[in-house]
Amino acid sequence: MGSFAAPLSGLTAAQDQLQSVSNNLANIDTDGYKDQTLTFSDIFAQTGVTNGAGDPIQTGSGVSVSSTVSNFTEGNLNATGTASNMALSGNGFFVTLNSTGLHDFTRNGDFTTNNQGQLVTPNGELLLGYPSVGGVINSSAPLQPLKVGNLTSPASASTTIGITANLDSETAVGGTASSSLSIYDSLGTAHVVTVSYTKTAANTWNYTVSVPSSDITGGTGANTTVGSGTLNFNNSGVLASTTNVVAISIPNLADGAASPLALSGPFGTAASPTITQTAAASTTSATTTDGFASGTLTTYAVQPDGTVQGTFSSGNTLALGQVAVASFSNTQGLVSVGNNNYQPSAASGAAVIGVAGTGGRGTIVGGSVEQSNVDIATEFAKLIVAQQAYSSNAKTITTFNQVSQATLAMLQ
């Protein structure tokens, strides 16, 4: 009767294979799912019997599942255009925080946002990363949930201004030109700065910098001068030097912002000036400032290194955080816990968490998700083999049953 053990183990193995294949096919559209394959090993009875040559005599006792192998090769990356979606190109796993306070690890980057503006998995786990303070990533800080909603950027006072302009060399002595630009104080209030140029001699212009007097506490008249100087050009129209320069300083701002507001610039550096004097119309082609008004987050995008770059209504761009990526010394040792999540085990080793694109970790593709890597043709081939194996083992059991019945009949 022990003869039934071998084909019964074959039936069980074929059934396990069918279960594995059916699970793969069921998850063919599951983002981040990794194909699984069963491997089998034979079972031999242990015996001390040997033949005349001293070789062991053993009889096979069936088959058992020896391991489950997950195929962690990268699936196709599907561009969704959704800012919260991410895909890992290469090795690694996203790090999430589940409801029990433990870290889970997943390849499924189909993230959305919750009502607090935090990035979450489809089943509500929080995506973790490195925090940002004032647009500066702190990769040494503990991991925190990444937030991309309900954010505002603080105002940033201007400290530098830049003017790209040309002054008409054919302007008569006493002729004028001007440039204007907006700057911001510490409260985010915009102030219009006007730079007025007056030609005093060939290749020489005086300039004054002014702001509306209403912007200054106790200001009188229409405008108040807050800086001045002289521009000297060589005979090629290149700025040769600035003389009699008064630092641009706006005192006692009427809105209560920090003052004085000191500005450097605005004509570039001695090695790379941004103002010229040529025989062309006086014009200002560009102005710049490093200040910003306060703004609300309008869009964001994930960079290859995981940095979440946010753009605010003020035009300011700040890093909101950086997605963390985990790697393992043995990915086959990871334990699947459902919901596309894995947990480490003694076999996998502890998670090594860091920045995408470093330490053998893959890079992040924003606005995309990684699809399942199940190959339907391969699974159908395995399905046919498992079906035939099951049928063959069932036929073996039928044969053993017939032999057993014949043996019993001999005893009657």
Protein backbone atom coordinates (compact mmCIF):
# COMPACT_ATOMS: atom_id res chain seq x y z
CA MET A 1 0.00 0.00 0.00
CA GLY A 2 3.02 2.28 0.37
CA SER A 3 3.13 2.38 -3.42
CA PHE A 4 0.38 4.99 -3.36
CA ALA A 5 2.69 7.53 -1.62
CA ALA A 6 4.74 8.39 -4.70
CA PRO A 7 1.85 9.16 -7.10
CA LEU A 8 -0.04 10.97 -4.32
CA SER A 9 2.98 13.24 -3.82
CA GLY A 10 2.99 13.77 -7.60
CA LEU A 11 -0.68 14.80 -7.49
CA THR A 12 0.08 17.24 -4.69
CA ALA A 13 3.06 18.67 -6.57
CA ALA A 14 1.06 19.08 -9.78
CA GLN A 15 -1.73 20.73 -7.79
CA ASP A 16 0.78 23.14 -6.22
CA GLN A 17 2.13 23.94 -9.68
CA LEU A 18 -1.37 24.60 -10.97
CA GLN A 19 -1.99 26.86 -7.97
CA SER A 20 1.23 28.81 -8.69
CA VAL A 21 0.43 29.21 -12.39
CA SER A 22 -3.15 30.26 -11.71
CA ASN A 23 -1.92 32.83 -9.19
CA ASN A 24 0.51 34.26 -11.75
CA LEU A 25 -2.21 34.48 -14.40
CA ALA A 26 -4.61 36.07 -11.92
CA ASN A 27 -2.03 38.81 -11.24
CA ILE A 28 -1.09 39.47 -14.86
CA ASP A 29 -2.52 43.01 -14.55
CA THR A 30 -1.27 43.65 -11.00
CA ASP A 31 1.23 46.53 -11.04
CA GLY A 32 4.60 45.53 -9.59
CA TYR A 33 3.70 41.84 -9.31
CA LYS A 34 6.61 39.39 -9.69
CA ASP A 35 6.15 36.03 -11.38
CA GLN A 36 6.65 33.00 -9.13
CA THR A 37 7.87 29.52 -10.09
CA LEU A 38 7.92 26.35 -7.98
CA THR A 39 10.96 24.08 -7.97
CA PHE A 40 10.72 20.43 -6.97
CA SER A 41 13.03 17.82 -5.48
CA ASP A 42 12.75 14.03 -5.39
CA ILE A 43 12.30 11.93 -2.27
CA PHE A 44 14.31 8.72 -1.76
CA ALA A 45 13.85 6.18 0.97
CA GLN A 46 16.86 5.91 3.23
CA THR A 47 18.18 2.33 3.26
CA GLY A 48 21.33 0.45 4.16
CA VAL A 49 20.84 -2.26 1.50
CA THR A 50 23.54 -2.48 -1.16
CA ASN A 51 24.17 -4.62 -4.22
CA GLY A 52 27.16 -6.83 -4.96
CA ALA A 53 29.26 -3.84 -5.99
CA GLY A 54 28.46 -2.04 -2.74
CA ASP A 55 26.20 0.50 -4.45
CA PRO A 56 23.13 1.57 -2.44
CA ILE A 57 19.76 0.22 -3.45
CA GLN A 58 17.14 2.96 -3.11
CA THR A 59 13.57 3.28 -4.26
CA GLY A 60 12.09 6.65 -5.13
CA SER A 61 9.36 7.80 -2.77
CA GLY A 62 7.92 10.72 -4.70
CA VAL A 63 8.37 14.48 -5.01
CA SER A 64 8.10 17.59 -2.84
CA VAL A 65 8.24 21.36 -3.36
CA SER A 66 11.78 22.50 -2.58
CA SER A 67 11.40 26.27 -3.10
CA THR A 68 9.35 29.11 -4.54
CA VAL A 69 11.44 31.32 -6.82
CA SER A 70 10.29 34.89 -7.52
CA ASN A 71 11.38 36.52 -10.75
CA PHE A 72 12.43 40.03 -9.73
CA THR A 73 13.37 41.18 -13.23
CA GLU A 74 11.89 44.53 -14.17
CA GLY A 75 8.44 44.60 -15.75
CA ASN A 76 7.40 47.00 -18.50
CA LEU A 77 7.24 50.64 -17.41
CA ASN A 78 3.87 52.14 -18.31
CA ALA A 79 3.73 55.95 -18.60
CA THR A 80 0.56 57.14 -16.86
CA GLY A 81 1.20 60.89 -16.78
CA THR A 82 0.04 60.93 -13.14
CA ALA A 83 2.50 62.90 -11.01
CA SER A 84 2.09 60.67 -7.96
CA ASN A 85 2.95 57.49 -9.88
CA MET A 86 6.53 56.16 -9.80
CA ALA A 87 8.39 53.19 -11.21
CA LEU A 88 11.74 51.77 -10.21
CA SER A 89 14.07 51.16 -13.14
CA GLY A 90 16.55 48.65 -11.77
CA ASN A 91 16.96 47.10 -8.35
CA GLY A 92 15.23 48.14 -5.16
CA PHE A 93 11.90 48.59 -3.42
CA PHE A 94 9.83 51.54 -2.25
CA VAL A 95 9.56 51.82 1.53
CA THR A 96 6.09 52.22 3.05
CA LEU A 97 4.66 52.45 6.56
CA ASN A 98 1.72 50.16 7.33
CA SER A 99 -1.05 50.59 9.90
CA THR A 100 0.89 48.61 12.52
CA GLY A 101 3.89 50.94 12.30
CA LEU A 102 6.10 48.48 10.44
CA HIS A 103 7.95 49.04 7.17
CA ASP A 104 6.74 47.20 4.10
CA PHE A 105 8.60 47.04 0.78
CA THR A 106 6.97 47.13 -2.64
CA ARG A 107 7.63 47.54 -6.36
CA ASN A 108 4.12 48.86 -6.99
CA GLY A 109 4.44 52.61 -7.56
CA ASP A 110 0.75 53.30 -8.20
CA PHE A 111 0.70 55.95 -5.47
CA THR A 112 -2.08 58.44 -4.83
CA THR A 113 -2.60 61.12 -2.15
CA ASN A 114 -4.76 60.99 0.96
CA ASN A 115 -6.79 63.84 2.47
CA GLN A 116 -3.65 65.12 4.19
CA GLY A 117 -1.75 65.40 0.92
CA GLN A 118 0.54 62.46 1.73
CA LEU A 119 1.60 59.91 -0.89
CA VAL A 120 0.00 56.53 -0.18
CA THR A 121 -0.28 53.06 -1.73
CA PRO A 122 -3.66 51.84 -3.05
CA ASN A 123 -4.29 50.18 0.34
CA GLY A 124 -3.40 53.32 2.30
CA GLU A 125 0.20 52.71 3.39
CA LEU A 126 2.35 55.86 3.60
CA LEU A 127 5.27 56.26 1.18
CA LEU A 128 8.43 57.13 3.12
CA GLY A 129 11.37 59.31 2.20
CA TYR A 130 13.81 61.91 3.42
CA PRO A 131 12.39 65.26 4.59
CA SER A 132 13.11 68.67 3.14
CA VAL A 133 13.50 71.90 5.11
CA GLY A 134 13.37 75.08 3.07
CA GLY A 135 13.96 73.11 -0.11
CA VAL A 136 17.07 71.35 1.24
CA ILE A 137 16.96 67.53 1.52
CA ASN A 138 18.26 66.03 4.77
CA SER A 139 19.25 62.47 3.84
CA SER A 140 20.56 61.86 7.37
CA ALA A 141 17.16 62.40 9.00
CA PRO A 142 14.78 59.55 9.89
CA LEU A 143 12.35 58.54 7.14
CA GLN A 144 9.07 60.45 7.09
CA PRO A 145 5.83 60.28 5.05
CA LEU A 146 6.17 62.37 1.89
CA LYS A 147 3.64 65.17 1.46
CA VAL A 148 2.74 66.72 -1.90
CA GLY A 149 -0.58 68.40 -1.13
CA ASN A 150 -1.85 71.39 0.88
CA LEU A 151 1.59 73.02 0.80
CA THR A 152 2.64 76.64 0.65
CA SER A 153 6.09 78.11 0.12
CA PRO A 154 7.24 80.90 2.43
CA ALA A 155 8.17 84.28 1.04
CA SER A 156 11.84 84.81 0.29
CA ALA A 157 13.34 88.29 0.37
CA SER A 158 15.35 89.35 -2.66
CA THR A 159 19.09 89.70 -2.13
CA THR A 160 20.30 89.89 -5.72
CA ILE A 161 18.93 91.50 -8.84
CA GLY A 162 20.11 91.25 -12.42
CA ILE A 163 19.49 93.42 -15.46
CA THR A 164 20.35 92.47 -19.03
CA ALA A 165 20.20 95.66 -21.07
CA ASN A 166 21.78 97.80 -23.81
CA LEU A 167 22.30 101.54 -23.74
CA ASP A 168 22.26 103.35 -27.09
CA SER A 169 25.77 104.69 -27.75
CA GLU A 170 24.31 107.31 -30.11
CA THR A 171 22.28 108.88 -27.32
CA ALA A 172 23.21 112.55 -26.85
CA VAL A 173 24.81 113.67 -23.60
CA GLY A 174 21.95 114.26 -21.18
CA GLY A 175 19.80 111.59 -22.79
CA THR A 176 18.15 108.98 -20.58
CA ALA A 177 16.95 105.38 -20.48
CA SER A 178 15.51 103.14 -17.77
CA SER A 179 14.94 99.56 -16.60
CA SER A 180 12.44 98.29 -14.05
CA LEU A 181 11.89 95.02 -12.20
CA SER A 182 10.00 93.64 -9.20
CA ILE A 183 11.67 92.50 -6.01
CA TYR A 184 10.21 90.92 -2.84
CA ASP A 185 10.63 91.68 0.84
CA SER A 186 10.57 89.18 3.73
CA LEU A 187 6.75 89.23 3.81
CA GLY A 188 6.52 88.50 0.08
CA THR A 189 5.34 92.00 -0.84
CA ALA A 190 6.44 93.06 -4.32
CA HIS A 191 8.23 96.37 -4.84
CA VAL A 192 9.02 97.94 -8.21
CA VAL A 193 12.65 98.98 -8.54
CA THR A 194 13.49 101.47 -11.31
CA VAL A 195 17.00 101.98 -12.62
CA SER A 196 17.38 105.29 -14.49
CA TYR A 197 20.39 105.92 -16.77
CA THR A 198 21.65 109.37 -17.83
CA LYS A 199 24.47 109.78 -20.36
CA THR A 200 27.08 112.20 -19.00
CA ALA A 201 29.87 111.75 -21.59
CA ALA A 202 30.99 109.45 -24.36
CA ASN A 203 30.98 105.88 -22.99
CA THR A 204 29.88 107.12 -19.56
CA TRP A 205 26.45 106.89 -17.91
CA ASN A 206 25.27 107.71 -14.42
CA TYR A 207 22.53 105.55 -12.94
CA THR A 208 20.17 105.84 -9.98
CA VAL A 209 18.05 103.14 -8.36
CA SER A 210 14.71 104.19 -6.88
CA VAL A 211 11.53 102.74 -5.37
CA PRO A 212 8.10 104.36 -4.86
CA SER A 213 8.22 106.51 -1.73
CA SER A 214 4.91 104.98 -0.61
CA ASP A 215 6.78 101.70 0.00
CA ILE A 216 8.95 103.36 2.65
CA THR A 217 7.86 104.57 6.07
CA GLY A 218 7.98 108.36 6.04
CA GLY A 219 8.82 108.47 2.33
CA THR A 220 8.17 111.76 0.52
CA GLY A 221 7.70 112.60 -3.12
CA ALA A 222 6.99 110.09 -5.86
CA ASN A 223 10.21 108.07 -5.66
CA THR A 224 13.12 107.63 -3.25
CA THR A 225 16.65 106.96 -4.47
CA VAL A 226 18.17 103.90 -2.79
CA GLY A 227 21.37 103.52 -4.83
CA SER A 228 23.47 105.17 -7.55
CA GLY A 229 26.74 104.95 -9.47
CA THR A 230 28.55 105.43 -12.78
CA LEU A 231 28.94 102.98 -15.67
CA ASN A 232 32.08 103.23 -17.79
CA PHE A 233 32.22 101.41 -21.16
CA ASN A 234 35.26 100.80 -23.37
CA ASN A 235 35.33 101.65 -27.07
CA SER A 236 33.86 98.23 -27.86
CA GLY A 237 30.76 98.89 -25.77
CA VAL A 238 31.77 96.48 -23.01
CA LEU A 239 31.32 97.55 -19.39
CA ALA A 240 34.83 98.44 -18.21
CA SER A 241 34.11 99.55 -14.66
CA THR A 242 31.59 100.96 -12.24
CA THR A 243 32.53 103.92 -10.07
CA ASN A 244 30.94 105.93 -7.25
CA VAL A 245 28.73 102.89 -6.56
CA VAL A 246 26.30 103.24 -3.69
CA ALA A 247 24.99 99.94 -2.27
CA ILE A 248 21.33 99.38 -2.99
CA SER A 249 19.55 99.49 0.38
CA ILE A 250 15.81 99.99 0.88
CA PRO A 251 15.14 101.26 4.44
CA ASN A 252 12.10 101.10 6.72
CA LEU A 253 9.60 99.21 4.59
CA ALA A 254 6.05 100.40 5.20
CA ASP A 255 4.53 96.88 5.36
CA GLY A 256 6.63 95.94 8.38
CA ALA A 257 8.97 93.57 6.55
CA ALA A 258 12.57 93.14 7.64
CA SER A 259 14.65 96.16 6.70
CA PRO A 260 16.86 97.46 5.36
CA LEU A 261 16.46 95.34 2.23
CA ALA A 262 19.98 95.11 0.77
CA LEU A 263 20.42 94.16 -2.90
CA SER A 264 23.55 93.29 -4.84
CA GLY A 265 23.96 93.56 -8.59
CA PRO A 266 22.45 94.50 -10.93
CA PHE A 267 24.89 94.48 -13.87
CA GLY A 268 26.57 91.08 -13.53
CA THR A 269 30.22 90.65 -12.60
CA ALA A 270 33.35 92.36 -13.83
CA ALA A 271 34.22 89.19 -15.74
CA SER A 272 30.73 88.76 -17.13
CA PRO A 273 28.75 92.02 -17.27
CA THR A 274 25.13 92.00 -18.42
CA ILE A 275 24.85 95.58 -19.69
CA THR A 276 26.36 96.89 -22.95
CA GLN A 277 26.55 100.14 -24.89
CA THR A 278 26.14 99.74 -28.65
CA ALA A 279 24.60 101.63 -31.55
CA ALA A 280 21.19 100.07 -30.98
CA ALA A 281 18.07 101.24 -29.21
CA SER A 282 18.24 101.39 -25.43
CA THR A 283 16.31 98.36 -24.19
CA THR A 284 16.05 95.95 -21.30
CA SER A 285 15.84 92.33 -22.47
CA ALA A 286 15.71 90.49 -19.13
CA THR A 287 15.58 91.00 -15.38
CA THR A 288 16.11 88.52 -12.56
CA THR A 289 15.74 88.32 -8.80
CA ASP A 290 16.21 85.54 -6.29
CA GLY A 291 13.20 86.56 -4.19
CA PHE A 292 9.69 85.12 -4.21
CA ALA A 293 6.26 85.88 -2.86
CA SER A 294 4.48 83.23 -0.83
CA GLY A 295 2.71 80.68 -3.05
CA THR A 296 0.70 77.47 -3.07
CA LEU A 297 1.88 74.23 -4.65
CA THR A 298 0.61 73.91 -8.22
CA THR A 299 2.56 70.96 -9.68
CA TYR A 300 5.28 68.52 -8.70
CA ALA A 301 7.47 65.95 -10.44
CA VAL A 302 9.69 63.11 -9.23
CA GLN A 303 13.30 63.21 -10.42
CA PRO A 304 15.43 60.10 -11.18
CA ASP A 305 17.13 60.36 -7.77
CA GLY A 306 13.74 60.41 -6.06
CA THR A 307 13.66 64.14 -5.33
CA VAL A 308 10.09 65.44 -5.41
CA GLN A 309 10.40 68.87 -7.02
CA GLY A 310 7.45 71.20 -6.37
CA THR A 311 6.49 74.32 -8.33
CA PHE A 312 4.48 76.99 -6.53
CA SER A 313 2.11 79.67 -7.78
CA SER A 314 4.79 82.26 -6.97
CA GLY A 315 7.08 80.64 -9.55
CA ASN A 316 9.33 79.30 -6.81
CA THR A 317 10.63 75.73 -7.14
CA LEU A 318 11.52 73.74 -4.03
CA ALA A 319 12.40 70.15 -3.18
CA LEU A 320 9.52 68.70 -1.14
CA GLY A 321 11.37 65.54 -0.08
CA GLN A 322 13.19 62.55 -1.53
CA VAL A 323 11.79 59.05 -2.04
CA ALA A 324 13.75 56.36 -0.16
CA VAL A 325 14.71 53.09 -1.89
CA ALA A 326 15.61 49.84 -0.12
CA SER A 327 17.82 47.00 -1.31
CA PHE A 328 18.43 43.49 0.06
CA SER A 329 21.38 41.15 -0.15
CA ASN A 330 19.06 38.25 -1.11
CA THR A 331 15.73 39.20 -2.64
CA GLN A 332 14.68 35.53 -2.84
CA GLY A 333 14.58 35.56 0.95
CA LEU A 334 11.80 38.18 1.04
CA VAL A 335 8.41 37.08 2.34
CA SER A 336 5.34 38.09 0.33
CA VAL A 337 2.64 39.40 2.70
CA GLY A 338 0.00 40.42 0.13
CA ASN A 339 -1.02 43.79 -1.29
CA ASN A 340 2.17 43.72 -3.42
CA ASN A 341 4.22 44.03 -0.21
CA TYR A 342 7.25 42.14 1.05
CA GLN A 343 8.80 41.73 4.48
CA PRO A 344 12.46 40.91 5.17
CA SER A 345 13.50 37.63 6.73
CA ALA A 346 16.72 36.15 8.07
CA ALA A 347 17.37 34.80 4.58
CA SER A 348 16.93 38.17 2.84
CA GLY A 349 18.94 40.18 5.33
CA ALA A 350 17.95 43.59 6.67
CA ALA A 351 16.89 46.37 4.33
CA VAL A 352 19.63 48.77 3.26
CA ILE A 353 17.82 52.06 2.69
CA GLY A 354 19.27 54.95 0.73
CA VAL A 355 18.90 57.21 -2.29
CA ALA A 356 17.84 56.02 -5.74
CA GLY A 357 20.72 55.60 -8.18
CA THR A 358 23.28 54.87 -5.45
CA GLY A 359 24.56 51.65 -3.89
CA GLY A 360 23.26 49.48 -6.72
CA ARG A 361 19.72 50.85 -6.36
CA GLY A 362 17.71 51.66 -9.48
CA THR A 363 16.52 55.10 -10.52
CA ILE A 364 12.96 56.37 -10.33
CA VAL A 365 10.81 57.15 -13.37
CA GLY A 366 8.15 59.68 -12.44
CA GLY A 367 4.64 59.53 -13.92
CA SER A 368 4.95 55.79 -14.62
CA VAL A 369 4.18 52.43 -13.00
CA GLU A 370 5.89 49.08 -13.36
CA GLN A 371 3.60 46.42 -14.77
CA SER A 372 3.51 42.73 -13.84
CA ASN A 373 6.35 40.71 -15.37
CA VAL A 374 4.16 37.61 -15.89
CA ASP A 375 4.57 36.19 -19.41
CA ILE A 376 1.28 34.61 -20.49
CA ALA A 377 2.88 32.26 -23.04
CA THR A 378 5.28 30.85 -20.43
CA GLU A 379 2.45 30.38 -17.94
CA PHE A 380 0.30 28.51 -20.48
CA ALA A 381 3.22 26.18 -21.19
CA LYS A 382 3.64 25.50 -17.46
CA LEU A 383 -0.14 25.01 -17.19
CA ILE A 384 -0.10 22.27 -19.85
CA VAL A 385 2.84 20.49 -18.19
CA ALA A 386 1.14 20.63 -14.76
CA GLN A 387 -2.11 19.33 -16.23
CA GLN A 388 -0.34 16.40 -17.91
CA ALA A 389 1.60 15.64 -14.72
CA TYR A 390 -1.61 15.55 -12.71
CA SER A 391 -3.27 13.23 -15.24
CA SER A 392 -0.24 10.93 -15.33
CA ASN A 393 -0.08 10.62 -11.53
CA ALA A 394 -3.82 10.00 -11.39
CA LYS A 395 -3.38 7.21 -13.95
CA THR A 396 -0.60 5.74 -11.77
CA ILE A 397 -2.90 5.68 -8.75
CA THR A 398 -5.56 3.93 -10.84
CA THR A 399 -3.02 1.30 -11.89
CA PHE A 400 -1.88 0.74 -8.29
CA ASN A 401 -5.52 0.37 -7.29
CA GLN A 402 -6.07 -2.29 -9.96
CA VAL A 403 -2.93 -4.17 -8.81
CA SER A 404 -4.13 -4.00 -5.21
CA GLN A 405 -7.55 -5.32 -6.15
CA ALA A 406 -5.95 -8.22 -8.09
CA THR A 407 -3.77 -9.05 -5.08
CA LEU A 408 -6.76 -9.09 -2.76
CA ALA A 409 -8.66 -11.29 -5.20
CA MET A 410 -5.83 -13.85 -5.06
CA LEU A 411 -6.35 -14.23 -1.31
CA GLN A 412 -10.03 -15.10 -1.61
